[in-house]
Amino acid sequence: MSAAPAAPQPASADRLDLLLTPPRPLTGWRVLPARIVAMCVVELQKLRHDRSELYTRAIQPALWLLIFGMTFTRIGLIPSDGIPYLDYLAAGIIAQSAMFISIFYGIQIIWERDAGVLNKLLVTPTPRTALVAGKAFAAGIKALIQALVIVILAAVLGVGISWNPLRLLGVAVAVVLGAAFFSCLSVAIAGIVRNRDRLMGIGQAITMPLFFASNALYPTSLMPGWLQALSAVNPLSYQVDALRGLLLGTPAHLPLDFAVLAVSAVLGIIAASALLPRLAR
């Protein structure tokens, strides 16, 4: 006669506690980063339903690189600090694509307000800074996808890009910080004008001046004095300088560039968070 099967060992009290006790909610300093990541993930999940925005917005930067870059490389009229003009332009086009995908981000916030989504988000325990920062960094990740397309196209065209992993990581950080600032700028403007058409007009009015008042297309030494002053306070100039130094190895001021980008992103998040409730009224 076979032995009776052994009775199962009772679970320990500690294991029962782990099974029956719900996980503790995050408290203190861990709340804000967790909420930022959650909002960022929610924003990025929208890409599963419509990826066309990434494809269509990548067309214009690609045309700038293909048409403008290759044409002016052959003409050779613009000084490019001793490197081929196409190489010089590539970093500027990456920064331009990040700005263009972010500067109209406020329109999406207005759509969310009209659909009643924004009011629901504002009454949740999530801090306003987490709402804005999550959306801002989601815009940065979208811009990073476009930047990858431009980098691949530039490599195909023969641009001498550095493939050092640490440098590419720095490029990713610069793209995300720059896009985060411009998306927060758009949200802040939306909080002021509170109207989709007005925001569209303002966005179109400031994008090209921001682009041309930077070192994206030409060195700042070629600019008149008043335009050099504007370029010195334009975060896009610092983003381009960082991208050019990291991708091409040209002389750059990386500590200053990243400091300006980080401070700009933080100030943008603070300003957009303060104006966001005004948009919901």
Protein backbone atom coordinates (compact mmCIF):
# COMPACT_ATOMS: atom_id res chain seq x y z
CA MET A 1 0.00 0.00 0.00
CA SER A 2 1.49 3.32 -1.11
CA ALA A 3 2.10 6.04 1.38
CA ALA A 4 -0.43 8.80 1.61
CA PRO A 5 0.61 12.00 -0.15
CA ALA A 6 2.17 14.54 2.11
CA ALA A 7 -0.07 17.38 3.15
CA PRO A 8 0.84 20.70 1.53
CA GLN A 9 2.92 22.94 3.72
CA PRO A 10 0.99 25.98 4.94
CA ALA A 11 2.13 29.24 3.52
CA SER A 12 4.07 31.36 5.88
CA ALA A 13 2.48 34.39 7.44
CA ASP A 14 4.86 36.65 5.52
CA ARG A 15 3.78 35.19 2.17
CA LEU A 16 0.12 35.52 3.05
CA ASP A 17 0.70 39.14 3.95
CA LEU A 18 2.31 39.76 0.57
CA LEU A 19 -0.65 38.16 -1.22
CA LEU A 20 -3.39 39.85 0.76
CA THR A 21 -1.89 43.30 1.28
CA PRO A 22 -2.14 45.68 -1.70
CA PRO A 23 1.07 47.41 -2.73
CA ARG A 24 1.75 50.64 -0.93
CA PRO A 25 1.09 53.74 -2.98
CA LEU A 26 4.10 55.82 -3.91
CA THR A 27 4.73 58.72 -1.59
CA GLY A 28 7.12 61.61 -1.30
CA TRP A 29 9.65 62.27 -4.02
CA ARG A 30 8.72 59.09 -5.94
CA VAL A 31 5.24 60.36 -6.87
CA LEU A 32 6.26 63.00 -9.41
CA PRO A 33 8.62 60.83 -11.52
CA ALA A 34 6.08 57.99 -11.56
CA ARG A 35 3.28 60.31 -12.71
CA ILE A 36 5.52 61.86 -15.37
CA VAL A 37 6.38 58.42 -16.76
CA ALA A 38 2.71 57.39 -16.67
CA MET A 39 1.61 60.50 -18.62
CA CYS A 40 4.43 60.02 -21.10
CA VAL A 41 3.38 56.41 -21.72
CA VAL A 42 -0.25 57.45 -22.18
CA GLU A 43 0.78 60.03 -24.79
CA LEU A 44 3.00 57.59 -26.67
CA GLN A 45 0.25 54.98 -26.78
CA LYS A 46 -1.64 57.29 -29.13
CA LEU A 47 0.93 56.43 -31.79
CA ARG A 48 -0.50 52.91 -31.98
CA HIS A 49 -3.69 54.33 -33.48
CA ASP A 50 -2.12 56.86 -35.85
CA ARG A 51 1.53 56.81 -36.90
CA SER A 52 0.98 59.03 -39.93
CA GLU A 53 2.11 62.15 -38.04
CA LEU A 54 5.63 60.80 -37.66
CA TYR A 55 5.86 59.92 -41.36
CA THR A 56 4.42 63.16 -42.71
CA ARG A 57 6.44 65.41 -40.41
CA ALA A 58 9.65 63.64 -41.42
CA ILE A 59 9.15 64.62 -45.06
CA GLN A 60 9.93 68.33 -44.68
CA PRO A 61 13.26 67.90 -42.81
CA ALA A 62 14.29 65.25 -45.33
CA LEU A 63 13.58 67.66 -48.19
CA TRP A 64 15.61 70.40 -46.46
CA LEU A 65 18.55 68.03 -46.23
CA LEU A 66 18.19 66.66 -49.76
CA ILE A 67 17.38 69.84 -51.69
CA PHE A 68 18.71 72.78 -49.68
CA GLY A 69 21.71 70.93 -48.29
CA MET A 70 22.94 69.33 -51.49
CA THR A 71 22.32 72.46 -53.57
CA PHE A 72 24.19 74.82 -51.26
CA THR A 73 26.96 72.27 -50.86
CA ARG A 74 27.58 72.55 -54.61
CA ILE A 75 27.28 76.34 -54.62
CA GLY A 76 29.67 76.69 -51.69
CA LEU A 77 28.57 80.20 -50.72
CA ILE A 78 27.97 79.64 -46.99
CA PRO A 79 31.02 79.15 -44.74
CA SER A 80 30.68 75.97 -42.71
CA ASP A 81 33.63 76.00 -40.30
CA GLY A 82 35.85 73.86 -42.49
CA ILE A 83 33.46 70.92 -42.99
CA PRO A 84 31.19 70.12 -45.95
CA TYR A 85 28.03 72.19 -45.82
CA LEU A 86 25.81 69.10 -45.91
CA ASP A 87 27.53 67.87 -42.74
CA TYR A 88 27.14 71.30 -41.18
CA LEU A 89 23.45 71.45 -42.06
CA ALA A 90 22.54 67.95 -40.80
CA ALA A 91 22.61 68.94 -37.12
CA GLY A 92 20.50 72.01 -37.84
CA ILE A 93 17.87 69.95 -39.65
CA ILE A 94 17.66 67.49 -36.72
CA ALA A 95 17.02 70.42 -34.36
CA GLN A 96 14.53 71.90 -36.82
CA SER A 97 12.55 68.67 -37.05
CA ALA A 98 12.41 68.45 -33.23
CA MET A 99 11.14 72.02 -33.01
CA PHE A 100 8.54 71.63 -35.76
CA ILE A 101 7.02 68.50 -34.22
CA SER A 102 6.80 70.20 -30.81
CA ILE A 103 5.85 73.81 -31.47
CA PHE A 104 2.21 72.96 -32.30
CA TYR A 105 1.78 70.61 -29.34
CA GLY A 106 -0.53 73.13 -27.71
CA ILE A 107 -3.15 72.43 -30.37
CA GLN A 108 -3.48 68.91 -29.01
CA ILE A 109 -4.04 70.35 -25.52
CA ILE A 110 -6.84 72.54 -26.90
CA TRP A 111 -8.41 69.48 -28.54
CA GLU A 112 -8.27 67.69 -25.18
CA ARG A 113 -9.93 70.68 -23.52
CA ASP A 114 -12.73 70.72 -26.09
CA ALA A 115 -13.24 66.96 -25.62
CA GLY A 116 -13.40 67.33 -21.82
CA VAL A 117 -10.24 65.30 -21.27
CA LEU A 118 -8.19 68.15 -19.83
CA ASN A 119 -10.69 68.93 -17.06
CA LYS A 120 -10.70 65.28 -16.05
CA LEU A 121 -6.91 65.24 -15.88
CA LEU A 122 -6.79 68.41 -13.80
CA VAL A 123 -9.11 67.04 -11.12
CA THR A 124 -6.96 63.93 -10.60
CA PRO A 125 -4.29 63.89 -7.85
CA THR A 126 -1.60 64.09 -10.54
CA PRO A 127 0.36 67.35 -10.16
CA ARG A 128 0.07 69.78 -13.06
CA THR A 129 3.84 69.71 -13.49
CA ALA A 130 3.64 65.94 -14.04
CA LEU A 131 0.91 66.38 -16.66
CA VAL A 132 2.94 68.94 -18.57
CA ALA A 133 6.29 67.18 -18.16
CA GLY A 134 4.83 63.84 -19.29
CA LYS A 135 3.44 65.41 -22.45
CA ALA A 136 6.67 67.35 -23.01
CA PHE A 137 8.90 64.29 -22.81
CA ALA A 138 6.48 62.35 -25.01
CA ALA A 139 6.97 65.09 -27.60
CA GLY A 140 10.71 64.64 -27.10
CA ILE A 141 10.51 60.91 -27.82
CA LYS A 142 8.45 61.58 -30.95
CA ALA A 143 11.10 64.07 -32.04
CA LEU A 144 13.76 61.45 -31.32
CA ILE A 145 12.09 59.08 -33.79
CA GLN A 146 12.24 61.79 -36.46
CA ALA A 147 15.84 62.57 -35.57
CA LEU A 148 16.70 58.92 -36.17
CA VAL A 149 15.25 59.17 -39.69
CA ILE A 150 17.34 62.28 -40.40
CA VAL A 151 20.51 60.68 -39.03
CA ILE A 152 20.03 57.61 -41.22
CA LEU A 153 19.36 59.78 -44.28
CA ALA A 154 22.41 61.92 -43.52
CA ALA A 155 24.57 58.80 -43.24
CA VAL A 156 23.27 57.58 -46.61
CA LEU A 157 24.17 60.95 -48.15
CA GLY A 158 27.73 60.59 -46.84
CA VAL A 159 27.67 62.85 -43.79
CA GLY A 160 30.57 61.94 -41.47
CA ILE A 161 28.54 61.06 -38.38
CA SER A 162 30.17 59.71 -35.23
CA TRP A 163 28.61 56.41 -34.11
CA ASN A 164 30.11 56.50 -30.63
CA PRO A 165 27.33 55.22 -28.31
CA LEU A 166 28.00 57.89 -25.66
CA ARG A 167 27.85 60.64 -28.26
CA LEU A 168 24.60 59.24 -29.68
CA LEU A 169 23.18 59.15 -26.15
CA GLY A 170 24.09 62.81 -25.80
CA VAL A 171 22.34 63.51 -29.12
CA ALA A 172 19.20 61.81 -27.81
CA VAL A 173 19.26 63.88 -24.61
CA ALA A 174 19.73 67.12 -26.57
CA VAL A 175 16.84 66.29 -28.90
CA VAL A 176 14.49 65.38 -26.05
CA LEU A 177 15.34 68.49 -23.99
CA GLY A 178 14.94 70.80 -26.97
CA ALA A 179 11.62 69.27 -27.98
CA ALA A 180 10.40 69.38 -24.37
CA PHE A 181 11.08 73.12 -24.22
CA PHE A 182 9.31 73.92 -27.49
CA SER A 183 6.30 71.78 -26.61
CA CYS A 184 6.02 73.59 -23.25
CA LEU A 185 6.32 76.90 -25.07
CA SER A 186 3.40 75.83 -27.24
CA VAL A 187 1.32 74.78 -24.22
CA ALA A 188 2.10 78.10 -22.49
CA ILE A 189 0.98 80.04 -25.56
CA ALA A 190 -2.18 77.91 -25.68
CA GLY A 191 -2.85 78.87 -22.08
CA ILE A 192 -2.66 82.54 -23.07
CA VAL A 193 -4.59 82.61 -26.35
CA ARG A 194 -6.96 79.68 -25.52
CA ASN A 195 -7.91 79.39 -29.19
CA ARG A 196 -6.80 76.85 -31.79
CA ASP A 197 -6.67 79.26 -34.73
CA ARG A 198 -4.74 81.91 -32.82
CA LEU A 199 -2.25 79.31 -31.62
CA MET A 200 -1.77 78.04 -35.16
CA GLY A 201 -1.07 81.58 -36.36
CA ILE A 202 1.39 82.32 -33.56
CA GLY A 203 3.12 78.99 -34.07
CA GLN A 204 3.58 79.67 -37.76
CA ALA A 205 4.78 83.19 -37.00
CA ILE A 206 7.55 82.14 -34.58
CA THR A 207 8.88 78.88 -36.05
CA MET A 208 10.83 80.32 -38.97
CA PRO A 209 12.23 83.30 -37.00
CA LEU A 210 13.42 80.86 -34.33
CA PHE A 211 14.97 78.70 -37.04
CA PHE A 212 16.69 81.51 -38.95
CA ALA A 213 17.79 83.29 -35.75
CA SER A 214 19.94 80.30 -34.85
CA ASN A 215 23.12 78.67 -36.12
CA ALA A 216 21.19 75.91 -37.89
CA LEU A 217 21.85 77.17 -41.44
CA TYR A 218 24.91 79.40 -41.06
CA PRO A 219 27.45 80.47 -38.41
CA THR A 220 26.33 83.24 -36.08
CA SER A 221 29.42 85.25 -37.10
CA LEU A 222 27.68 86.01 -40.41
CA MET A 223 24.67 87.58 -38.66
CA PRO A 224 24.23 91.28 -37.94
CA GLY A 225 24.71 92.28 -34.32
CA TRP A 226 21.03 92.41 -33.39
CA LEU A 227 20.46 88.92 -34.83
CA GLN A 228 23.48 87.57 -32.95
CA ALA A 229 21.88 88.88 -29.76
CA LEU A 230 18.67 86.98 -30.57
CA SER A 231 20.66 83.85 -31.38
CA ALA A 232 22.40 84.07 -28.00
CA VAL A 233 19.07 83.69 -26.17
CA ASN A 234 17.59 81.18 -28.62
CA PRO A 235 17.64 77.63 -27.11
CA LEU A 236 17.69 76.22 -30.65
CA SER A 237 21.20 77.62 -31.14
CA TYR A 238 22.49 75.70 -28.13
CA GLN A 239 20.74 72.53 -29.27
CA VAL A 240 22.33 72.79 -32.72
CA ASP A 241 25.75 73.48 -31.21
CA ALA A 242 25.47 70.38 -29.02
CA LEU A 243 24.25 68.19 -31.90
CA ARG A 244 27.00 69.41 -34.20
CA GLY A 245 29.70 68.79 -31.63
CA LEU A 246 28.42 65.32 -30.74
CA LEU A 247 27.66 64.09 -34.26
CA LEU A 248 30.55 65.66 -36.16
CA GLY A 249 33.17 66.30 -33.49
CA THR A 250 33.35 70.02 -34.24
CA PRO A 251 34.29 72.44 -31.42
CA ALA A 252 31.27 72.92 -29.15
CA HIS A 253 30.38 74.19 -25.70
CA LEU A 254 28.66 71.06 -24.45
CA PRO A 255 28.39 71.93 -20.70
CA LEU A 256 26.86 75.30 -21.54
CA ASP A 257 24.63 73.80 -24.26
CA PHE A 258 23.14 71.14 -22.02
CA ALA A 259 22.79 73.56 -19.09
CA VAL A 260 20.80 76.01 -21.25
CA LEU A 261 18.62 73.21 -22.66
CA ALA A 262 17.92 71.74 -19.21
CA VAL A 263 17.11 75.13 -17.66
CA SER A 264 14.92 76.04 -20.64
CA ALA A 265 12.98 72.77 -20.33
CA VAL A 266 12.45 73.25 -16.58
CA LEU A 267 11.33 76.87 -17.00
CA GLY A 268 9.04 75.81 -19.85
CA ILE A 269 7.43 73.13 -17.69
CA ILE A 270 6.90 75.63 -14.85
CA ALA A 271 5.36 78.25 -17.15
CA ALA A 272 3.11 75.77 -18.96
CA SER A 273 1.98 74.24 -15.64
CA ALA A 274 1.02 77.68 -14.33
CA LEU A 275 -1.00 78.52 -17.47
CA LEU A 276 -2.62 75.12 -17.97
CA PRO A 277 -5.60 75.73 -15.59
CA ARG A 278 -6.35 78.98 -17.43
CA LEU A 279 -6.78 76.99 -20.62
CA ALA A 280 -9.34 74.71 -18.96
CA ARG A 281 -11.63 77.56 -17.84
